[in-house]
Amino acid sequence: MNWRKMLLTAFVLFGMAGGFDYSYAMQFGTAELKAEPYLKGGTIAWDQLGGIGGHKFIVAGGINTDVKFNNNLGVAINLEKWWVEEGLDDDEGIIPKEGYSIFTDVKYFLKTDSDLLFYPYAGIGFEEWNKGNTSESWKSLKFFNWVAGIGVEHEKGYIKAGITRPFSVNARDSSNPTPRFGFTAEGGIKLKAFLVGLFYKYAGFEDPDGKMTQSGLFIGYRFK
């Protein structure tokens, strides 16, 4: 059994053992910590100049950790690993076959007269995309990435969107591509301890050109 199947098996066994019937939060004075392991499934679309690229099915696993201070200031840390879960065939060496990200952001909650909380947020992270052995441009990219956006939160769900841009790009076996602005969005609804929602991520580079879109469904368990 490879580590990908182990990740899915552990998630399922956690639920069978009764983990999905309970939720917890850790208190540190006025601060509250919440953890959310999740799985994603969806598509990756890759497009280069000349019509090179395609669509493939991807799977991802990760964990979100949120800390809220005095109900106003929030800090989040996200760790995620994704991979293409089908044969690349003619897209081998063109579409990135795997990647990971480490990200943190800070948000400030603005209370309203309703049950909604609005918040601006900004953050920074590190990513790697890997094509493997290829003669097509770079074999892997490592880069930092910043994001700034807004979100809305309710006890029943949330939605947020932001603008992104890579920087300090390091390409393997190629000149470093020029970053372009990207976009990210996600939203989810809370079903007891579960969190179910949709995600969208557009990111890319130019000179040489290459644009990636990831979108699909995620399901997580919220400790709260």
C-alpha atoms as a PDB file:
ATOM      1  CA  MET A   1       0.000   0.000   0.000  1.00  0.00           C
ATOM      2  CA  ASN A   2       1.520   3.319  -1.023  1.00  0.00           C
ATOM      3  CA  TRP A   3       1.349   6.472   1.092  1.00  0.00           C
ATOM      4  CA  ARG A   4      -1.518   7.900  -0.970  1.00  0.00           C
ATOM      5  CA  LYS A   5      -3.772   4.955  -0.170  1.00  0.00           C
ATOM      6  CA  MET A   6      -2.585   5.056   3.452  1.00  0.00           C
ATOM      7  CA  LEU A   7      -3.751   8.688   3.706  1.00  0.00           C
ATOM      8  CA  LEU A   8      -7.234   7.832   2.435  1.00  0.00           C
ATOM      9  CA  THR A   9      -7.443   4.690   4.588  1.00  0.00           C
ATOM     10  CA  ALA A  10      -6.491   6.615   7.740  1.00  0.00           C
ATOM     11  CA  PHE A  11      -9.157   9.236   6.995  1.00  0.00           C
ATOM     12  CA  VAL A  12     -11.854   6.568   6.547  1.00  0.00           C
ATOM     13  CA  LEU A  13     -10.797   4.551   9.605  1.00  0.00           C
ATOM     14  CA  PHE A  14     -10.895   7.717  11.698  1.00  0.00           C
ATOM     15  CA  GLY A  15     -14.558   8.124  10.807  1.00  0.00           C
ATOM     16  CA  MET A  16     -15.380   4.435  11.378  1.00  0.00           C
ATOM     17  CA  ALA A  17     -13.794   4.644  14.821  1.00  0.00           C
ATOM     18  CA  GLY A  18     -16.233   7.395  15.777  1.00  0.00           C
ATOM     19  CA  GLY A  19     -13.975  10.368  15.161  1.00  0.00           C
ATOM     20  CA  PHE A  20     -16.610  12.056  13.010  1.00  0.00           C
ATOM     21  CA  ASP A  21     -19.056  12.052  15.944  1.00  0.00           C
ATOM     22  CA  TYR A  22     -16.966  14.404  18.028  1.00  0.00           C
ATOM     23  CA  SER A  23     -15.280  17.756  17.664  1.00  0.00           C
ATOM     24  CA  TYR A  24     -12.774  19.490  19.858  1.00  0.00           C
ATOM     25  CA  ALA A  25     -10.990  22.811  20.242  1.00  0.00           C
ATOM     26  CA  MET A  26      -7.907  23.696  22.224  1.00  0.00           C
ATOM     27  CA  GLN A  27      -8.013  26.812  24.368  1.00  0.00           C
ATOM     28  CA  PHE A  28      -4.937  28.897  25.178  1.00  0.00           C
ATOM     29  CA  GLY A  29      -6.217  31.741  27.320  1.00  0.00           C
ATOM     30  CA  THR A  30      -8.317  33.892  24.966  1.00  0.00           C
ATOM     31  CA  ALA A  31      -7.021  32.038  21.892  1.00  0.00           C
ATOM     32  CA  GLU A  32      -8.794  29.059  20.312  1.00  0.00           C
ATOM     33  CA  LEU A  33      -7.121  26.534  18.022  1.00  0.00           C
ATOM     34  CA  LYS A  34      -9.017  24.477  15.437  1.00  0.00           C
ATOM     35  CA  ALA A  35      -7.621  21.740  13.182  1.00  0.00           C
ATOM     36  CA  GLU A  36      -9.163  20.468   9.930  1.00  0.00           C
ATOM     37  CA  PRO A  37      -7.763  17.493   7.981  1.00  0.00           C
ATOM     38  CA  TYR A  38      -9.224  17.277   4.485  1.00  0.00           C
ATOM     39  CA  LEU A  39      -9.194  15.445   1.153  1.00  0.00           C
ATOM     40  CA  LYS A  40      -9.667  16.974  -2.309  1.00  0.00           C
ATOM     41  CA  GLY A  41     -10.648  15.546  -5.658  1.00  0.00           C
ATOM     42  CA  GLY A  42     -10.901  17.414  -8.933  1.00  0.00           C
ATOM     43  CA  THR A  43      -9.130  18.327 -12.137  1.00  0.00           C
ATOM     44  CA  ILE A  44      -5.915  19.999 -13.162  1.00  0.00           C
ATOM     45  CA  ALA A  45      -5.898  21.911 -16.444  1.00  0.00           C
ATOM     46  CA  TRP A  46      -2.578  22.941 -18.004  1.00  0.00           C
ATOM     47  CA  ASP A  47      -2.162  25.317 -20.931  1.00  0.00           C
ATOM     48  CA  GLN A  48       0.957  26.509 -22.749  1.00  0.00           C
ATOM     49  CA  LEU A  49       1.551  28.543 -25.882  1.00  0.00           C
ATOM     50  CA  GLY A  50       0.830  26.552 -29.007  1.00  0.00           C
ATOM     51  CA  GLY A  51      -2.118  24.731 -27.440  1.00  0.00           C
ATOM     52  CA  ILE A  52       0.057  22.328 -25.441  1.00  0.00           C
ATOM     53  CA  GLY A  53      -1.572  20.927 -22.316  1.00  0.00           C
ATOM     54  CA  GLY A  54      -4.587  18.967 -21.162  1.00  0.00           C
ATOM     55  CA  HIS A  55      -6.851  17.938 -18.263  1.00  0.00           C
ATOM     56  CA  LYS A  56      -6.206  15.261 -15.644  1.00  0.00           C
ATOM     57  CA  PHE A  57      -7.761  14.050 -12.389  1.00  0.00           C
ATOM     58  CA  ILE A  58      -5.994  15.115  -9.197  1.00  0.00           C
ATOM     59  CA  VAL A  59      -6.199  14.131  -5.524  1.00  0.00           C
ATOM     60  CA  ALA A  60      -4.907  16.130  -2.575  1.00  0.00           C
ATOM     61  CA  GLY A  61      -4.625  15.749   1.165  1.00  0.00           C
ATOM     62  CA  GLY A  62      -3.816  18.351   3.767  1.00  0.00           C
ATOM     63  CA  ILE A  63      -4.581  20.001   7.054  1.00  0.00           C
ATOM     64  CA  ASN A  64      -5.729  23.486   8.015  1.00  0.00           C
ATOM     65  CA  THR A  65      -4.895  24.872  11.444  1.00  0.00           C
ATOM     66  CA  ASP A  66      -6.625  28.064  12.578  1.00  0.00           C
ATOM     67  CA  VAL A  67      -5.971  30.136  15.691  1.00  0.00           C
ATOM     68  CA  LYS A  68      -8.394  32.918  16.613  1.00  0.00           C
ATOM     69  CA  PHE A  69      -7.482  35.610  19.132  1.00  0.00           C
ATOM     70  CA  ASN A  70     -10.236  37.532  20.969  1.00  0.00           C
ATOM     71  CA  ASN A  71     -12.686  36.807  18.119  1.00  0.00           C
ATOM     72  CA  ASN A  72     -11.010  39.462  15.940  1.00  0.00           C
ATOM     73  CA  LEU A  73      -7.583  38.327  14.778  1.00  0.00           C
ATOM     74  CA  GLY A  74      -7.026  34.968  13.106  1.00  0.00           C
ATOM     75  CA  VAL A  75      -3.903  33.132  11.940  1.00  0.00           C
ATOM     76  CA  ALA A  76      -4.075  30.070   9.700  1.00  0.00           C
ATOM     77  CA  ILE A  77      -1.458  27.531   8.578  1.00  0.00           C
ATOM     78  CA  ASN A  78      -2.108  25.147   5.685  1.00  0.00           C
ATOM     79  CA  LEU A  79      -0.081  22.117   4.569  1.00  0.00           C
ATOM     80  CA  GLU A  80      -1.104  20.331   1.359  1.00  0.00           C
ATOM     81  CA  LYS A  81       0.205  17.645  -0.993  1.00  0.00           C
ATOM     82  CA  TRP A  82      -1.405  17.021  -4.414  1.00  0.00           C
ATOM     83  CA  TRP A  83      -0.752  14.600  -7.254  1.00  0.00           C
ATOM     84  CA  VAL A  84      -2.163  13.536 -10.621  1.00  0.00           C
ATOM     85  CA  GLU A  85      -4.064  10.296 -10.048  1.00  0.00           C
ATOM     86  CA  GLU A  86      -4.158   8.978 -13.618  1.00  0.00           C
ATOM     87  CA  GLY A  87      -1.688   8.222 -16.394  1.00  0.00           C
ATOM     88  CA  LEU A  88      -0.219  11.302 -18.052  1.00  0.00           C
ATOM     89  CA  ASP A  89       0.303   9.557 -21.413  1.00  0.00           C
ATOM     90  CA  ASP A  90       1.081  12.235 -24.035  1.00  0.00           C
ATOM     91  CA  ASP A  91       1.069  14.867 -21.271  1.00  0.00           C
ATOM     92  CA  GLU A  92       4.076  13.286 -19.527  1.00  0.00           C
ATOM     93  CA  GLY A  93       6.643  16.006 -18.923  1.00  0.00           C
ATOM     94  CA  ILE A  94       4.162  18.758 -19.796  1.00  0.00           C
ATOM     95  CA  ILE A  95       1.597  18.796 -16.976  1.00  0.00           C
ATOM     96  CA  PRO A  96       3.067  18.933 -13.438  1.00  0.00           C
ATOM     97  CA  LYS A  97       2.446  15.511 -11.910  1.00  0.00           C
ATOM     98  CA  GLU A  98       2.671  16.506  -8.234  1.00  0.00           C
ATOM     99  CA  GLY A  99       3.245  19.370  -5.883  1.00  0.00           C
ATOM    100  CA  TYR A 100       2.997  20.610  -2.323  1.00  0.00           C
ATOM    101  CA  SER A 101       2.446  23.886  -0.518  1.00  0.00           C
ATOM    102  CA  ILE A 102       3.014  25.388   2.924  1.00  0.00           C
ATOM    103  CA  PHE A 103       0.997  28.521   3.561  1.00  0.00           C
ATOM    104  CA  THR A 104       0.117  30.920   6.361  1.00  0.00           C
ATOM    105  CA  ASP A 105      -2.201  33.932   6.406  1.00  0.00           C
ATOM    106  CA  VAL A 106      -3.540  36.503   8.824  1.00  0.00           C
ATOM    107  CA  LYS A 107      -7.161  37.698   8.849  1.00  0.00           C
ATOM    108  CA  TYR A 108      -9.007  40.398  10.771  1.00  0.00           C
ATOM    109  CA  PHE A 109     -12.692  39.766  11.490  1.00  0.00           C
ATOM    110  CA  LEU A 110     -15.157  42.624  11.104  1.00  0.00           C
ATOM    111  CA  LYS A 111     -18.389  42.031  13.026  1.00  0.00           C
ATOM    112  CA  THR A 112     -21.782  42.981  11.597  1.00  0.00           C
ATOM    113  CA  ASP A 113     -25.290  43.197  13.004  1.00  0.00           C
ATOM    114  CA  SER A 114     -26.047  39.775  11.529  1.00  0.00           C
ATOM    115  CA  ASP A 115     -24.364  36.408  12.102  1.00  0.00           C
ATOM    116  CA  LEU A 116     -21.900  37.125   9.285  1.00  0.00           C
ATOM    117  CA  LEU A 117     -18.240  37.947   9.842  1.00  0.00           C
ATOM    118  CA  PHE A 118     -16.353  39.758   7.076  1.00  0.00           C
ATOM    119  CA  TYR A 119     -12.573  39.663   6.975  1.00  0.00           C
ATOM    120  CA  PRO A 120      -9.686  40.882   4.822  1.00  0.00           C
ATOM    121  CA  TYR A 121      -6.715  38.535   4.785  1.00  0.00           C
ATOM    122  CA  ALA A 122      -3.140  38.402   3.512  1.00  0.00           C
ATOM    123  CA  GLY A 123      -0.557  35.657   3.549  1.00  0.00           C
ATOM    124  CA  ILE A 124       2.603  34.109   2.178  1.00  0.00           C
ATOM    125  CA  GLY A 125       3.532  30.567   1.294  1.00  0.00           C
ATOM    126  CA  PHE A 126       5.972  28.244  -0.451  1.00  0.00           C
ATOM    127  CA  GLU A 127       5.139  25.833  -3.283  1.00  0.00           C
ATOM    128  CA  GLU A 128       6.819  23.262  -5.495  1.00  0.00           C
ATOM    129  CA  TRP A 129       5.488  21.879  -8.804  1.00  0.00           C
ATOM    130  CA  ASN A 130       7.217  18.830 -10.265  1.00  0.00           C
ATOM    131  CA  LYS A 131       7.083  17.562 -13.868  1.00  0.00           C
ATOM    132  CA  GLY A 132       9.721  14.861 -13.429  1.00  0.00           C
ATOM    133  CA  ASN A 133      12.158  14.078 -16.248  1.00  0.00           C
ATOM    134  CA  THR A 134      11.262  16.193 -19.239  1.00  0.00           C
ATOM    135  CA  SER A 135      12.747  18.043 -22.163  1.00  0.00           C
ATOM    136  CA  GLU A 136       9.854  20.530 -22.047  1.00  0.00           C
ATOM    137  CA  SER A 137      11.067  23.643 -20.250  1.00  0.00           C
ATOM    138  CA  TRP A 138      11.650  23.209 -16.486  1.00  0.00           C
ATOM    139  CA  LYS A 139      11.560  19.933 -14.529  1.00  0.00           C
ATOM    140  CA  SER A 140      10.399  21.513 -11.287  1.00  0.00           C
ATOM    141  CA  LEU A 141       9.567  24.931  -9.902  1.00  0.00           C
ATOM    142  CA  LYS A 142      10.054  26.155  -6.355  1.00  0.00           C
ATOM    143  CA  PHE A 143       8.675  29.547  -5.444  1.00  0.00           C
ATOM    144  CA  PHE A 144       7.190  31.743  -2.754  1.00  0.00           C
ATOM    145  CA  ASN A 145       3.672  33.033  -3.230  1.00  0.00           C
ATOM    146  CA  TRP A 146       1.682  35.852  -1.662  1.00  0.00           C
ATOM    147  CA  VAL A 147      -2.090  36.266  -1.497  1.00  0.00           C
ATOM    148  CA  ALA A 148      -4.475  39.053  -0.480  1.00  0.00           C
ATOM    149  CA  GLY A 149      -8.244  38.818  -0.422  1.00  0.00           C
ATOM    150  CA  ILE A 150     -11.533  38.968   1.450  1.00  0.00           C
ATOM    151  CA  GLY A 151     -13.846  36.424   3.016  1.00  0.00           C
ATOM    152  CA  VAL A 152     -17.213  35.960   4.701  1.00  0.00           C
ATOM    153  CA  GLU A 153     -17.803  33.496   7.525  1.00  0.00           C
ATOM    154  CA  HIS A 154     -20.988  32.163   9.113  1.00  0.00           C
ATOM    155  CA  GLU A 155     -21.610  29.374  11.592  1.00  0.00           C
ATOM    156  CA  LYS A 156     -23.042  27.364   8.651  1.00  0.00           C
ATOM    157  CA  GLY A 157     -20.236  27.995   6.160  1.00  0.00           C
ATOM    158  CA  TYR A 158     -17.829  30.410   4.523  1.00  0.00           C
ATOM    159  CA  ILE A 159     -16.546  31.756   1.208  1.00  0.00           C
ATOM    160  CA  LYS A 160     -13.316  33.574   0.396  1.00  0.00           C
ATOM    161  CA  ALA A 161     -11.366  34.763  -2.654  1.00  0.00           C
ATOM    162  CA  GLY A 162      -7.984  36.357  -3.238  1.00  0.00           C
ATOM    163  CA  ILE A 163      -5.356  37.507  -5.733  1.00  0.00           C
ATOM    164  CA  THR A 164      -2.016  35.677  -5.788  1.00  0.00           C
ATOM    165  CA  ARG A 165       1.419  36.226  -7.305  1.00  0.00           C
ATOM    166  CA  PRO A 166       4.571  34.060  -7.125  1.00  0.00           C
ATOM    167  CA  PHE A 167       8.003  35.527  -6.411  1.00  0.00           C
ATOM    168  CA  SER A 168      11.577  34.277  -5.878  1.00  0.00           C
ATOM    169  CA  VAL A 169      11.027  31.560  -8.496  1.00  0.00           C
ATOM    170  CA  ASN A 170      13.669  28.838  -8.850  1.00  0.00           C
ATOM    171  CA  ALA A 171      13.407  26.527 -11.885  1.00  0.00           C
ATOM    172  CA  ARG A 172      15.306  23.262 -12.262  1.00  0.00           C
ATOM    173  CA  ASP A 173      17.215  22.820 -15.547  1.00  0.00           C
ATOM    174  CA  SER A 174      15.701  25.949 -17.079  1.00  0.00           C
ATOM    175  CA  SER A 175      15.704  29.720 -16.858  1.00  0.00           C
ATOM    176  CA  ASN A 176      13.340  31.094 -14.243  1.00  0.00           C
ATOM    177  CA  PRO A 177       9.914  31.958 -15.709  1.00  0.00           C
ATOM    178  CA  THR A 178       8.275  35.323 -15.126  1.00  0.00           C
ATOM    179  CA  PRO A 179       5.389  35.185 -12.597  1.00  0.00           C
ATOM    180  CA  ARG A 180       1.869  36.258 -13.470  1.00  0.00           C
ATOM    181  CA  PHE A 181      -1.046  37.178 -11.217  1.00  0.00           C
ATOM    182  CA  GLY A 182      -3.369  34.366 -10.203  1.00  0.00           C
ATOM    183  CA  PHE A 183      -6.656  33.853  -8.407  1.00  0.00           C
ATOM    184  CA  THR A 184      -7.886  31.529  -5.681  1.00  0.00           C
ATOM    185  CA  ALA A 185     -11.346  30.931  -4.243  1.00  0.00           C
ATOM    186  CA  GLU A 186     -13.087  28.401  -2.052  1.00  0.00           C
ATOM    187  CA  GLY A 187     -16.303  28.004  -0.144  1.00  0.00           C
ATOM    188  CA  GLY A 188     -17.822  25.391   2.088  1.00  0.00           C
ATOM    189  CA  ILE A 189     -20.827  24.478   4.187  1.00  0.00           C
ATOM    190  CA  LYS A 190     -20.710  22.849   7.601  1.00  0.00           C
ATOM    191  CA  LEU A 191     -22.619  19.613   8.077  1.00  0.00           C
ATOM    192  CA  LYS A 192     -22.173  18.890  11.770  1.00  0.00           C
ATOM    193  CA  ALA A 193     -18.456  18.100  12.100  1.00  0.00           C
ATOM    194  CA  PHE A 194     -17.967  17.801   8.338  1.00  0.00           C
ATOM    195  CA  LEU A 195     -16.979  20.612   6.014  1.00  0.00           C
ATOM    196  CA  VAL A 196     -17.878  20.127   2.336  1.00  0.00           C
ATOM    197  CA  GLY A 197     -17.139  22.615  -0.402  1.00  0.00           C
ATOM    198  CA  LEU A 198     -15.598  23.664  -3.708  1.00  0.00           C
ATOM    199  CA  PHE A 199     -12.149  25.036  -4.522  1.00  0.00           C
ATOM    200  CA  TYR A 200     -10.626  26.884  -7.482  1.00  0.00           C
ATOM    201  CA  LYS A 201      -7.018  27.905  -8.068  1.00  0.00           C
ATOM    202  CA  TYR A 202      -5.503  29.625 -11.074  1.00  0.00           C
ATOM    203  CA  ALA A 203      -1.758  30.215 -11.157  1.00  0.00           C
ATOM    204  CA  GLY A 204       0.901  30.461 -13.778  1.00  0.00           C
ATOM    205  CA  PHE A 205       3.968  31.953 -15.378  1.00  0.00           C
ATOM    206  CA  GLU A 206       5.066  33.533 -18.649  1.00  0.00           C
ATOM    207  CA  ASP A 207       8.348  33.612 -20.565  1.00  0.00           C
ATOM    208  CA  PRO A 208       8.044  30.626 -20.871  1.00  0.00           C
ATOM    209  CA  ASP A 209       4.280  30.487 -20.743  1.00  0.00           C
ATOM    210  CA  GLY A 210       2.425  27.970 -18.575  1.00  0.00           C
ATOM    211  CA  LYS A 211      -0.893  28.293 -16.755  1.00  0.00           C
ATOM    212  CA  MET A 212      -2.422  25.856 -14.261  1.00  0.00           C
ATOM    213  CA  THR A 213      -6.001  25.640 -13.035  1.00  0.00           C
ATOM    214  CA  GLN A 214      -7.113  23.315 -10.250  1.00  0.00           C
ATOM    215  CA  SER A 215     -10.766  22.943  -9.282  1.00  0.00           C
ATOM    216  CA  GLY A 216     -13.029  20.433  -7.621  1.00  0.00           C
ATOM    217  CA  LEU A 217     -14.579  19.235  -4.383  1.00  0.00           C
ATOM    218  CA  PHE A 218     -13.128  18.928  -0.884  1.00  0.00           C
ATOM    219  CA  ILE A 219     -14.341  17.251   2.285  1.00  0.00           C
ATOM    220  CA  GLY A 220     -12.881  17.823   5.713  1.00  0.00           C
ATOM    221  CA  TYR A 221     -13.508  17.234   9.384  1.00  0.00           C
ATOM    222  CA  ARG A 222     -13.564  20.256  11.657  1.00  0.00           C
ATOM    223  CA  PHE A 223     -12.315  20.096  15.221  1.00  0.00           C
ATOM    224  CA  LYS A 224     -14.172  22.956  16.849  1.00  0.00           C
END
